[in-house]
Amino acid sequence: MQQPRKIKNIFSSIIAVCTIFFSIPGCSYLIPEPLEQGAILDPKDYEKLTPGKTTKDETISFIGSPTSHATFDDNTWIYITMTTGLVPASYPGIKTQRVVILNFDNGGILQDIKVLHKGDAKPVSMVSRVTPTPGTKISVMQELLGSVGRYNPLGGMGGAFGGLGGMGRGGAGGMGSGMMGGGTGGGGTGNTL
């Protein structure tokens, strides 16, 4: 009686060890690889640009369309590249960031190239206050009495029971006779086959 129990324990141990052995390498697939986002530019790409010579069209052919334009100046083009990755015990964070800013004159000729990195960023803190919006606070009485008079059990029926047909409006196919329930349907006049 002792022998089958011992074999069962050994077999269970082997299964447990195999499960752990084969599942641990699979966990590496759960960690996402770093993800590059934005305009993927190699420094060699924007080194082809020559201030005072390169035009906007040539810039697009060399490095593509910009990620963004400056808010108030269409002659400032911005190319943003960032690599995001998993930060331990947090949301995915920015590992590397490069911003290439190209300034053109009014004739469309490149004037200046500026390259910024993650360390050049200025930290901005969010304000925790809430902007008040007038008319959004509802009192308890408004909450309780707010839907009084809005509920109509036959409102979704349309002209099926002669709804919408009163007061000269005509229901679904109604004639607008001015009587309550003047449309077609069981509550109005007309053929109700």
N, C-alpha and C. Protein backbone atom coordinates (compact mmCIF):
# COMPACT_ATOMS: atom_id res chain seq x y z
N MET A 1 0.82 -1.19 0.00
CA MET A 1 0.00 0.00 0.00
C MET A 1 0.86 1.25 0.00
N GLN A 2 2.00 1.15 0.63
CA GLN A 2 2.92 2.27 0.75
C GLN A 2 3.57 2.58 -0.59
N GLN A 3 3.86 1.55 -1.39
CA GLN A 3 4.58 1.69 -2.65
C GLN A 3 3.80 2.54 -3.67
N PRO A 4 2.51 2.32 -3.95
CA PRO A 4 1.79 3.14 -4.94
C PRO A 4 1.70 4.61 -4.52
N ARG A 5 1.60 4.86 -3.23
CA ARG A 5 1.51 6.24 -2.75
C ARG A 5 2.83 6.97 -3.00
N LYS A 6 3.95 6.25 -2.79
CA LYS A 6 5.27 6.83 -3.01
C LYS A 6 5.47 7.14 -4.49
N ILE A 7 5.03 6.25 -5.36
CA ILE A 7 5.14 6.47 -6.81
C ILE A 7 4.29 7.66 -7.22
N LYS A 8 3.11 7.78 -6.63
CA LYS A 8 2.21 8.90 -6.94
C LYS A 8 2.85 10.22 -6.53
N ASN A 9 3.51 10.27 -5.36
CA ASN A 9 4.18 11.48 -4.90
C ASN A 9 5.35 11.86 -5.81
N ILE A 10 6.12 10.85 -6.24
CA ILE A 10 7.24 11.11 -7.14
C ILE A 10 6.72 11.64 -8.48
N PHE A 11 5.66 11.01 -8.98
CA PHE A 11 5.07 11.44 -10.25
C PHE A 11 4.54 12.88 -10.16
N SER A 12 3.88 13.22 -9.05
CA SER A 12 3.38 14.58 -8.84
C SER A 12 4.53 15.58 -8.77
N SER A 13 5.62 15.19 -8.12
CA SER A 13 6.79 16.07 -8.01
C SER A 13 7.41 16.31 -9.38
N ILE A 14 7.50 15.27 -10.19
CA ILE A 14 8.07 15.41 -11.54
C ILE A 14 7.20 16.34 -12.38
N ILE A 15 5.89 16.19 -12.30
CA ILE A 15 4.96 17.05 -13.04
C ILE A 15 5.13 18.51 -12.59
N ALA A 16 5.23 18.74 -11.29
CA ALA A 16 5.39 20.10 -10.77
C ALA A 16 6.70 20.73 -11.23
N VAL A 17 7.79 19.97 -11.18
CA VAL A 17 9.09 20.48 -11.61
C VAL A 17 9.07 20.80 -13.11
N CYS A 18 8.48 19.92 -13.91
CA CYS A 18 8.40 20.15 -15.36
C CYS A 18 7.55 21.38 -15.67
N THR A 19 6.45 21.53 -14.96
CA THR A 19 5.59 22.69 -15.18
C THR A 19 6.34 23.98 -14.88
N ILE A 20 7.02 24.03 -13.77
CA ILE A 20 7.79 25.23 -13.40
C ILE A 20 8.92 25.45 -14.40
N PHE A 21 9.62 24.37 -14.77
CA PHE A 21 10.77 24.48 -15.67
C PHE A 21 10.36 25.04 -17.04
N PHE A 22 9.21 24.58 -17.56
CA PHE A 22 8.80 25.03 -18.88
C PHE A 22 8.01 26.33 -18.87
N SER A 23 7.47 26.73 -17.73
CA SER A 23 6.68 27.97 -17.69
C SER A 23 7.53 29.21 -17.41
N ILE A 24 8.64 29.07 -16.71
CA ILE A 24 9.48 30.24 -16.39
C ILE A 24 10.05 30.90 -17.65
N PRO A 25 10.59 30.16 -18.61
CA PRO A 25 11.07 30.84 -19.82
C PRO A 25 9.95 31.54 -20.59
N GLY A 26 8.74 31.03 -20.46
CA GLY A 26 7.62 31.67 -21.14
C GLY A 26 7.27 33.03 -20.57
N CYS A 27 7.67 33.30 -19.34
CA CYS A 27 7.38 34.59 -18.72
C CYS A 27 8.13 35.73 -19.42
N SER A 28 9.23 35.42 -20.08
CA SER A 28 9.98 36.47 -20.76
C SER A 28 9.17 37.06 -21.90
N TYR A 29 8.20 36.32 -22.42
CA TYR A 29 7.36 36.84 -23.48
C TYR A 29 6.33 37.83 -22.96
N LEU A 30 6.12 37.89 -21.67
CA LEU A 30 5.16 38.82 -21.09
C LEU A 30 5.73 40.22 -20.93
N ILE A 31 7.04 40.35 -20.98
CA ILE A 31 7.67 41.66 -20.83
C ILE A 31 7.74 42.30 -22.22
N PRO A 32 7.07 43.42 -22.42
CA PRO A 32 7.08 44.03 -23.75
C PRO A 32 8.45 44.60 -24.09
N GLU A 33 8.79 44.51 -25.35
CA GLU A 33 10.04 45.08 -25.80
C GLU A 33 9.88 46.59 -25.90
N PRO A 34 10.98 47.33 -25.83
CA PRO A 34 10.89 48.78 -25.99
C PRO A 34 10.22 49.12 -27.32
N LEU A 35 9.37 50.12 -27.29
CA LEU A 35 8.59 50.50 -28.45
C LEU A 35 9.00 51.89 -28.91
N GLU A 36 9.41 52.00 -30.16
CA GLU A 36 9.76 53.31 -30.71
C GLU A 36 8.51 53.93 -31.30
N GLN A 37 8.29 55.19 -30.99
CA GLN A 37 7.10 55.90 -31.45
C GLN A 37 7.50 57.22 -32.07
N GLY A 38 6.63 57.72 -32.93
CA GLY A 38 6.87 59.02 -33.56
C GLY A 38 7.63 58.88 -34.86
N ALA A 39 8.31 59.96 -35.23
CA ALA A 39 9.12 59.98 -36.44
C ALA A 39 10.45 59.32 -36.12
N ILE A 40 10.65 58.11 -36.60
CA ILE A 40 11.87 57.37 -36.29
C ILE A 40 13.00 57.95 -37.15
N LEU A 41 13.79 58.82 -36.56
CA LEU A 41 14.88 59.47 -37.28
C LEU A 41 16.22 59.03 -36.73
N ASP A 42 17.09 58.71 -37.63
CA ASP A 42 18.48 58.43 -37.28
C ASP A 42 19.23 59.76 -37.42
N PRO A 43 20.17 60.06 -36.55
CA PRO A 43 20.92 61.31 -36.70
C PRO A 43 21.52 61.49 -38.09
N LYS A 44 21.83 60.40 -38.78
CA LYS A 44 22.36 60.50 -40.14
C LYS A 44 21.33 61.09 -41.08
N ASP A 45 20.03 60.87 -40.78
CA ASP A 45 18.98 61.37 -41.66
C ASP A 45 18.94 62.89 -41.67
N TYR A 46 18.92 63.50 -40.49
CA TYR A 46 18.82 64.96 -40.49
C TYR A 46 20.16 65.66 -40.67
N GLU A 47 21.25 64.90 -40.73
CA GLU A 47 22.54 65.49 -41.08
C GLU A 47 22.61 65.81 -42.57
N LYS A 48 21.69 65.22 -43.37
CA LYS A 48 21.62 65.51 -44.80
C LYS A 48 21.08 66.92 -45.05
N LEU A 49 20.42 67.49 -44.05
CA LEU A 49 19.80 68.81 -44.21
C LEU A 49 20.86 69.89 -44.02
N THR A 50 20.86 70.88 -44.92
CA THR A 50 21.84 71.96 -44.87
C THR A 50 21.13 73.28 -44.64
N PRO A 51 21.33 73.93 -43.49
CA PRO A 51 20.71 75.23 -43.27
C PRO A 51 21.15 76.23 -44.34
N GLY A 52 20.18 77.03 -44.80
CA GLY A 52 20.43 78.02 -45.85
C GLY A 52 20.31 77.46 -47.24
N LYS A 53 20.11 76.16 -47.39
CA LYS A 53 20.07 75.54 -48.71
C LYS A 53 18.86 74.61 -48.90
N THR A 54 18.58 73.77 -47.91
CA THR A 54 17.54 72.74 -48.03
C THR A 54 16.15 73.38 -47.98
N THR A 55 15.27 72.95 -48.90
CA THR A 55 13.89 73.46 -48.94
C THR A 55 12.97 72.53 -48.15
N LYS A 56 11.72 72.97 -47.99
CA LYS A 56 10.72 72.14 -47.29
C LYS A 56 10.47 70.85 -48.05
N ASP A 57 10.37 70.94 -49.38
CA ASP A 57 10.12 69.73 -50.18
C ASP A 57 11.27 68.74 -50.06
N GLU A 58 12.49 69.24 -50.08
CA GLU A 58 13.65 68.35 -49.92
C GLU A 58 13.66 67.72 -48.53
N THR A 59 13.26 68.49 -47.53
CA THR A 59 13.21 67.97 -46.16
C THR A 59 12.23 66.81 -46.08
N ILE A 60 11.06 66.97 -46.69
CA ILE A 60 10.07 65.90 -46.68
C ILE A 60 10.60 64.67 -47.41
N SER A 61 11.32 64.87 -48.50
CA SER A 61 11.85 63.71 -49.23
C SER A 61 12.97 63.02 -48.44
N PHE A 62 13.75 63.78 -47.65
CA PHE A 62 14.83 63.17 -46.86
C PHE A 62 14.32 62.47 -45.61
N ILE A 63 13.48 63.15 -44.82
CA ILE A 63 13.10 62.60 -43.51
C ILE A 63 11.60 62.45 -43.30
N GLY A 64 10.79 62.81 -44.28
CA GLY A 64 9.35 62.62 -44.17
C GLY A 64 8.64 63.83 -43.57
N SER A 65 7.34 63.69 -43.41
CA SER A 65 6.52 64.77 -42.86
C SER A 65 6.80 64.94 -41.38
N PRO A 66 6.65 66.17 -40.88
CA PRO A 66 6.90 66.40 -39.45
C PRO A 66 5.82 65.78 -38.58
N THR A 67 6.19 65.50 -37.35
CA THR A 67 5.22 65.02 -36.37
C THR A 67 4.22 66.11 -36.05
N SER A 68 4.71 67.35 -35.99
CA SER A 68 3.86 68.48 -35.63
C SER A 68 4.46 69.76 -36.20
N HIS A 69 3.64 70.79 -36.20
CA HIS A 69 4.09 72.15 -36.52
C HIS A 69 3.98 72.96 -35.25
N ALA A 70 4.73 74.04 -35.16
CA ALA A 70 4.59 74.93 -34.01
C ALA A 70 3.18 75.52 -34.02
N THR A 71 2.66 75.82 -32.87
CA THR A 71 1.27 76.26 -32.75
C THR A 71 0.97 77.50 -33.57
N PHE A 72 1.83 78.48 -33.52
CA PHE A 72 1.55 79.74 -34.20
C PHE A 72 2.50 80.01 -35.36
N ASP A 73 3.23 79.00 -35.82
CA ASP A 73 4.21 79.23 -36.87
C ASP A 73 4.34 77.98 -37.73
N ASP A 74 3.81 78.02 -38.95
CA ASP A 74 3.90 76.87 -39.85
C ASP A 74 5.31 76.66 -40.39
N ASN A 75 6.20 77.59 -40.14
CA ASN A 75 7.57 77.46 -40.61
C ASN A 75 8.47 76.77 -39.59
N THR A 76 7.92 76.31 -38.49
CA THR A 76 8.67 75.54 -37.50
C THR A 76 8.12 74.13 -37.50
N TRP A 77 8.95 73.19 -37.92
CA TRP A 77 8.55 71.79 -38.00
C TRP A 77 9.19 71.04 -36.84
N ILE A 78 8.42 70.11 -36.26
CA ILE A 78 8.89 69.36 -35.10
C ILE A 78 8.79 67.87 -35.40
N TYR A 79 9.89 67.17 -35.21
CA TYR A 79 9.95 65.72 -35.36
C TYR A 79 10.24 65.13 -33.97
N ILE A 80 9.34 64.30 -33.47
CA ILE A 80 9.48 63.73 -32.13
C ILE A 80 9.68 62.22 -32.25
N THR A 81 10.74 61.72 -31.62
CA THR A 81 11.01 60.28 -31.55
C THR A 81 11.17 59.92 -30.08
N MET A 82 10.49 58.87 -29.65
CA MET A 82 10.67 58.42 -28.27
C MET A 82 10.61 56.90 -28.21
N THR A 83 11.33 56.37 -27.25
CA THR A 83 11.31 54.94 -26.99
C THR A 83 10.70 54.75 -25.61
N THR A 84 9.60 54.01 -25.57
CA THR A 84 8.94 53.74 -24.29
C THR A 84 9.20 52.30 -23.89
N GLY A 85 9.23 52.06 -22.61
CA GLY A 85 9.45 50.71 -22.10
C GLY A 85 8.84 50.58 -20.72
N LEU A 86 8.77 49.36 -20.25
CA LEU A 86 8.17 49.07 -18.96
C LEU A 86 9.09 49.53 -17.84
N VAL A 87 8.55 50.34 -16.95
CA VAL A 87 9.28 50.79 -15.76
C VAL A 87 8.78 49.94 -14.60
N PRO A 88 9.66 49.36 -13.79
CA PRO A 88 9.21 48.48 -12.70
C PRO A 88 8.20 49.16 -11.78
N ALA A 89 7.12 48.46 -11.48
CA ALA A 89 6.06 48.90 -10.57
C ALA A 89 5.45 50.22 -11.00
N SER A 90 5.31 50.43 -12.31
CA SER A 90 4.73 51.68 -12.78
C SER A 90 4.17 51.46 -14.18
N TYR A 91 3.70 52.55 -14.77
CA TYR A 91 3.23 52.52 -16.14
C TYR A 91 4.43 52.56 -17.07
N PRO A 92 4.23 52.26 -18.34
CA PRO A 92 5.35 52.39 -19.27
C PRO A 92 5.89 53.82 -19.25
N GLY A 93 7.19 53.93 -19.24
CA GLY A 93 7.82 55.24 -19.18
C GLY A 93 8.67 55.51 -20.40
N ILE A 94 9.08 56.75 -20.56
CA ILE A 94 9.91 57.15 -21.68
C ILE A 94 11.36 56.84 -21.34
N LYS A 95 11.97 55.98 -22.15
CA LYS A 95 13.38 55.65 -21.93
C LYS A 95 14.27 56.66 -22.63
N THR A 96 14.01 56.91 -23.90
CA THR A 96 14.78 57.92 -24.63
C THR A 96 13.81 58.80 -25.40
N GLN A 97 14.21 60.04 -25.63
CA GLN A 97 13.39 60.97 -26.39
C GLN A 97 14.31 61.92 -27.14
N ARG A 98 13.97 62.16 -28.40
CA ARG A 98 14.73 63.11 -29.20
C ARG A 98 13.73 63.95 -29.98
N VAL A 99 13.88 65.26 -29.90
CA VAL A 99 13.02 66.19 -30.61
C VAL A 99 13.91 67.00 -31.55
N VAL A 100 13.60 66.95 -32.84
CA VAL A 100 14.34 67.72 -33.84
C VAL A 100 13.43 68.85 -34.29
N ILE A 101 13.90 70.09 -34.12
CA ILE A 101 13.12 71.27 -34.49
C ILE A 101 13.80 71.93 -35.68
N LEU A 102 13.04 72.07 -36.77
CA LEU A 102 13.55 72.70 -37.98
C LEU A 102 12.83 74.03 -38.18
N ASN A 103 13.57 75.10 -38.34
CA ASN A 103 13.00 76.42 -38.58
C ASN A 103 13.27 76.82 -40.03
N PHE A 104 12.21 77.19 -40.74
CA PHE A 104 12.30 77.64 -42.12
C PHE A 104 11.98 79.12 -42.20
N ASP A 105 12.49 79.80 -43.24
CA ASP A 105 12.11 81.19 -43.45
C ASP A 105 10.82 81.21 -44.26
N ASN A 106 10.31 82.41 -44.57
CA ASN A 106 9.05 82.53 -45.31
C ASN A 106 9.16 82.00 -46.74
N GLY A 107 10.38 81.89 -47.26
CA GLY A 107 10.59 81.34 -48.59
C GLY A 107 10.68 79.82 -48.60
N GLY A 108 10.63 79.18 -47.43
CA GLY A 108 10.66 77.73 -47.35
C GLY A 108 12.06 77.15 -47.31
N ILE A 109 13.07 77.97 -46.98
CA ILE A 109 14.45 77.51 -46.89
C ILE A 109 14.79 77.26 -45.42
N LEU A 110 15.43 76.13 -45.15
CA LEU A 110 15.81 75.76 -43.79
C LEU A 110 16.81 76.76 -43.23
N GLN A 111 16.54 77.27 -42.03
CA GLN A 111 17.42 78.24 -41.39
C GLN A 111 18.17 77.66 -40.20
N ASP A 112 17.53 76.75 -39.46
CA ASP A 112 18.12 76.30 -38.20
C ASP A 112 17.66 74.88 -37.88
N ILE A 113 18.56 74.08 -37.30
CA ILE A 113 18.24 72.73 -36.81
C ILE A 113 18.60 72.69 -35.33
N LYS A 114 17.64 72.32 -34.51
CA LYS A 114 17.89 72.20 -33.07
C LYS A 114 17.47 70.80 -32.64
N VAL A 115 18.33 70.12 -31.89
CA VAL A 115 18.05 68.76 -31.40
C VAL A 115 17.98 68.81 -29.88
N LEU A 116 16.85 68.34 -29.34
CA LEU A 116 16.65 68.29 -27.89
C LEU A 116 16.50 66.83 -27.47
N HIS A 117 16.94 66.54 -26.26
CA HIS A 117 16.85 65.18 -25.72
C HIS A 117 15.99 65.19 -24.46
N LYS A 118 15.79 64.02 -23.89
CA LYS A 118 14.93 63.86 -22.71
C LYS A 118 15.39 64.76 -21.56
N GLY A 119 16.68 64.93 -21.39
CA GLY A 119 17.21 65.76 -20.30
C GLY A 119 16.93 67.24 -20.48
N ASP A 120 16.59 67.66 -21.70
CA ASP A 120 16.28 69.07 -21.96
C ASP A 120 14.84 69.43 -21.60
N ALA A 121 14.03 68.44 -21.30
CA ALA A 121 12.62 68.68 -20.99
C ALA A 121 12.48 69.39 -19.65
N LYS A 122 11.46 70.23 -19.56
CA LYS A 122 11.17 70.93 -18.31
C LYS A 122 9.99 70.23 -17.64
N PRO A 123 10.13 69.86 -16.37
CA PRO A 123 9.02 69.18 -15.70
C PRO A 123 7.85 70.15 -15.48
N VAL A 124 6.67 69.66 -15.75
CA VAL A 124 5.45 70.44 -15.57
C VAL A 124 4.58 69.70 -14.58
N SER A 125 4.17 70.39 -13.53
CA SER A 125 3.30 69.75 -12.55
C SER A 125 1.86 70.13 -12.83
N MET A 126 0.98 69.17 -12.64
CA MET A 126 -0.44 69.38 -12.88
C MET A 126 -1.05 70.07 -11.67
N VAL A 127 -2.00 70.95 -11.92
CA VAL A 127 -2.71 71.63 -10.85
C VAL A 127 -3.86 70.73 -10.42
N SER A 128 -4.02 70.55 -9.12
CA SER A 128 -5.04 69.62 -8.63
C SER A 128 -6.42 70.27 -8.50
N ARG A 129 -6.50 71.58 -8.67
CA ARG A 129 -7.80 72.24 -8.54
C ARG A 129 -8.71 71.89 -9.71
N VAL A 130 -10.01 72.05 -9.49
CA VAL A 130 -11.00 71.80 -10.52
C VAL A 130 -11.55 73.14 -10.97
N THR A 131 -11.65 73.33 -12.27
CA THR A 131 -12.20 74.57 -12.80
C THR A 131 -13.71 74.54 -12.63
N PRO A 132 -14.27 75.52 -11.92
CA PRO A 132 -15.73 75.52 -11.74
C PRO A 132 -16.44 75.87 -13.04
N THR A 133 -17.55 75.19 -13.29
CA THR A 133 -18.35 75.46 -14.47
C THR A 133 -19.75 75.84 -13.99
N PRO A 134 -20.22 77.04 -14.32
CA PRO A 134 -21.53 77.46 -13.83
C PRO A 134 -22.65 76.59 -14.42
N GLY A 135 -23.65 76.35 -13.60
CA GLY A 135 -24.82 75.62 -14.04
C GLY A 135 -24.70 74.11 -13.95
N THR A 136 -23.65 73.60 -13.36
CA THR A 136 -23.50 72.15 -13.30
C THR A 136 -23.84 71.57 -11.94
N LYS A 137 -24.05 72.41 -10.94
CA LYS A 137 -24.40 71.90 -9.62
C LYS A 137 -25.92 71.74 -9.54
N ILE A 138 -26.36 70.56 -9.14
CA ILE A 138 -27.79 70.26 -9.06
C ILE A 138 -28.14 70.05 -7.60
N SER A 139 -29.22 70.71 -7.18
CA SER A 139 -29.65 70.56 -5.79
C SER A 139 -30.41 69.23 -5.65
N VAL A 140 -30.69 68.87 -4.40
CA VAL A 140 -31.42 67.63 -4.13
C VAL A 140 -32.82 67.69 -4.72
N MET A 141 -33.48 68.84 -4.62
CA MET A 141 -34.83 68.98 -5.17
C MET A 141 -34.81 68.86 -6.70
N GLN A 142 -33.83 69.46 -7.35
CA GLN A 142 -33.73 69.33 -8.80
C GLN A 142 -33.48 67.88 -9.20
N GLU A 143 -32.70 67.19 -8.41
CA GLU A 143 -32.42 65.78 -8.69
C GLU A 143 -33.69 64.95 -8.56
N LEU A 144 -34.49 65.21 -7.51
CA LEU A 144 -35.71 64.43 -7.28
C LEU A 144 -36.82 64.79 -8.27
N LEU A 145 -36.97 66.07 -8.56
CA LEU A 145 -38.08 66.52 -9.40
C LEU A 145 -37.66 66.76 -10.85
N GLY A 146 -36.42 66.51 -11.18
CA GLY A 146 -35.91 66.82 -12.51
C GLY A 146 -36.57 66.06 -13.64
N SER A 147 -37.02 64.84 -13.40
CA SER A 147 -37.60 64.06 -14.48
C SER A 147 -39.13 64.04 -14.44
N VAL A 148 -39.74 64.79 -13.53
CA VAL A 148 -41.20 64.84 -13.46
C VAL A 148 -41.71 65.49 -14.73
N GLY A 149 -42.63 64.83 -15.40
CA GLY A 149 -43.21 65.34 -16.63
C GLY A 149 -42.44 64.95 -17.88
N ARG A 150 -41.29 64.35 -17.75
CA ARG A 150 -40.51 63.94 -18.92
C ARG A 150 -40.83 62.52 -19.36
N TYR A 151 -41.42 61.73 -18.50
CA TYR A 151 -41.66 60.33 -18.82
C TYR A 151 -43.00 60.19 -19.52
N ASN A 152 -43.00 59.56 -20.69
CA ASN A 152 -44.21 59.29 -21.44
C ASN A 152 -44.16 57.83 -21.86
N PRO A 153 -44.99 56.98 -21.25
CA PRO A 153 -44.90 55.55 -21.54
C PRO A 153 -45.19 55.21 -23.00
N LEU A 154 -45.94 56.04 -23.71
CA LEU A 154 -46.24 55.76 -25.11
C LEU A 154 -45.38 56.61 -26.04
N GLY A 155 -44.43 57.32 -25.50
CA GLY A 155 -43.62 58.23 -26.30
C GLY A 155 -42.81 57.53 -27.37
N GLY A 156 -42.37 56.32 -27.13
CA GLY A 156 -41.57 55.61 -28.11
C GLY A 156 -42.39 54.88 -29.15
N MET A 157 -43.72 54.94 -29.05
CA MET A 157 -44.57 54.18 -29.95
C MET A 157 -44.82 54.90 -31.27
N GLY A 158 -44.55 56.19 -31.34
CA GLY A 158 -44.77 56.93 -32.58
C GLY A 158 -46.24 56.96 -32.92
N GLY A 159 -46.58 56.60 -34.15
CA GLY A 159 -47.97 56.65 -34.60
C GLY A 159 -48.72 55.37 -34.37
N ALA A 160 -48.15 54.38 -33.72
CA ALA A 160 -48.81 53.10 -33.55
C ALA A 160 -50.11 53.22 -32.77
N PHE A 161 -50.15 54.14 -31.80
CA PHE A 161 -51.38 54.34 -31.04
C PHE A 161 -51.90 55.75 -31.26
N GLY A 162 -51.57 56.32 -32.37
CA GLY A 162 -52.07 57.65 -32.66
C GLY A 162 -51.24 58.74 -32.02
N GLY A 163 -50.07 58.41 -31.47
CA GLY A 163 -49.22 59.42 -30.88
C GLY A 163 -48.68 60.36 -31.94
N LEU A 164 -48.31 61.52 -31.56
CA LEU A 164 -47.77 62.55 -32.43
C LEU A 164 -48.80 63.08 -33.41
N GLY A 165 -50.00 62.57 -33.39
CA GLY A 165 -50.98 62.99 -34.38
C GLY A 165 -51.86 64.12 -33.93
N GLY A 166 -51.83 64.46 -32.66
CA GLY A 166 -52.71 65.50 -32.17
C GLY A 166 -52.21 66.89 -32.50
N MET A 167 -53.04 67.84 -32.28
CA MET A 167 -52.73 69.26 -32.43
C MET A 167 -52.24 69.61 -33.84
N GLY A 168 -52.76 68.94 -34.84
CA GLY A 168 -52.48 69.31 -36.21
C GLY A 168 -51.12 68.91 -36.73
N ARG A 169 -50.37 68.06 -36.01
CA ARG A 169 -49.03 67.70 -36.48
C ARG A 169 -49.05 66.49 -37.40
N GLY A 170 -50.00 65.63 -37.28
CA GLY A 170 -50.03 64.43 -38.10
C GLY A 170 -49.09 63.38 -37.56
N GLY A 171 -49.55 62.17 -37.39
CA GLY A 171 -48.70 61.09 -36.90
C GLY A 171 -48.01 60.42 -38.06
N ALA A 172 -47.60 59.17 -37.84
CA ALA A 172 -46.98 58.42 -38.92
C ALA A 172 -48.06 58.14 -39.95
N GLY A 173 -48.10 58.90 -41.00
CA GLY A 173 -49.14 58.76 -42.01
C GLY A 173 -50.43 59.44 -41.60
N GLY A 174 -50.42 60.15 -40.47
CA GLY A 174 -51.63 60.81 -40.01
C GLY A 174 -51.95 62.04 -40.84
N MET A 175 -53.17 62.52 -40.65
CA MET A 175 -53.62 63.63 -41.46
C MET A 175 -53.59 64.93 -40.70
N GLY A 176 -53.20 64.92 -39.46
CA GLY A 176 -53.13 66.16 -38.70
C GLY A 176 -54.49 66.79 -38.52
N SER A 177 -55.46 66.01 -38.11
CA SER A 177 -56.83 66.50 -38.02
C SER A 177 -57.05 67.41 -36.83
N GLY A 178 -56.07 67.54 -35.96
CA GLY A 178 -56.26 68.40 -34.81
C GLY A 178 -56.85 67.68 -33.62
N MET A 179 -57.22 66.42 -33.77
CA MET A 179 -57.77 65.66 -32.65
C MET A 179 -56.64 64.87 -32.02
N MET A 180 -56.77 64.57 -30.74
CA MET A 180 -55.77 63.73 -30.11
C MET A 180 -55.81 62.37 -30.78
N GLY A 181 -54.65 61.86 -31.12
CA GLY A 181 -54.61 60.54 -31.73
C GLY A 181 -55.08 60.55 -33.15
N GLY A 182 -54.75 61.55 -33.91
CA GLY A 182 -55.23 61.65 -35.28
C GLY A 182 -54.43 60.83 -36.27
N GLY A 183 -53.40 60.13 -35.87
CA GLY A 183 -52.59 59.36 -36.81
C GLY A 183 -53.19 58.01 -37.07
N THR A 184 -52.51 57.23 -37.90
CA THR A 184 -53.00 55.88 -38.16
C THR A 184 -52.62 54.98 -37.01
N GLY A 185 -53.23 53.86 -36.91
CA GLY A 185 -52.93 52.93 -35.84
C GLY A 185 -54.18 52.65 -35.05
N GLY A 186 -54.04 51.80 -34.05
CA GLY A 186 -55.19 51.35 -33.28
C GLY A 186 -55.92 52.47 -32.58
N GLY A 187 -55.25 53.52 -32.18
CA GLY A 187 -55.91 54.59 -31.45
C GLY A 187 -56.41 55.70 -32.35
N GLY A 188 -56.08 55.69 -33.63
CA GLY A 188 -56.47 56.77 -34.52
C GLY A 188 -57.44 56.27 -35.57
N THR A 189 -57.51 57.00 -36.64
CA THR A 189 -58.39 56.61 -37.73
C THR A 189 -57.55 56.04 -38.86
N GLY A 190 -58.17 55.28 -39.73
CA GLY A 190 -57.46 54.74 -40.88
C GLY A 190 -57.43 53.23 -40.83
N ASN A 191 -56.82 52.65 -41.83
CA ASN A 191 -56.74 51.21 -41.97
C ASN A 191 -55.65 50.67 -41.05
N THR A 192 -56.00 49.70 -40.21
CA THR A 192 -55.04 49.16 -39.25
C THR A 192 -54.72 47.70 -39.49
N LEU A 193 -54.92 47.21 -40.67
CA LEU A 193 -54.68 45.80 -40.96
C LEU A 193 -53.60 45.29 -40.09
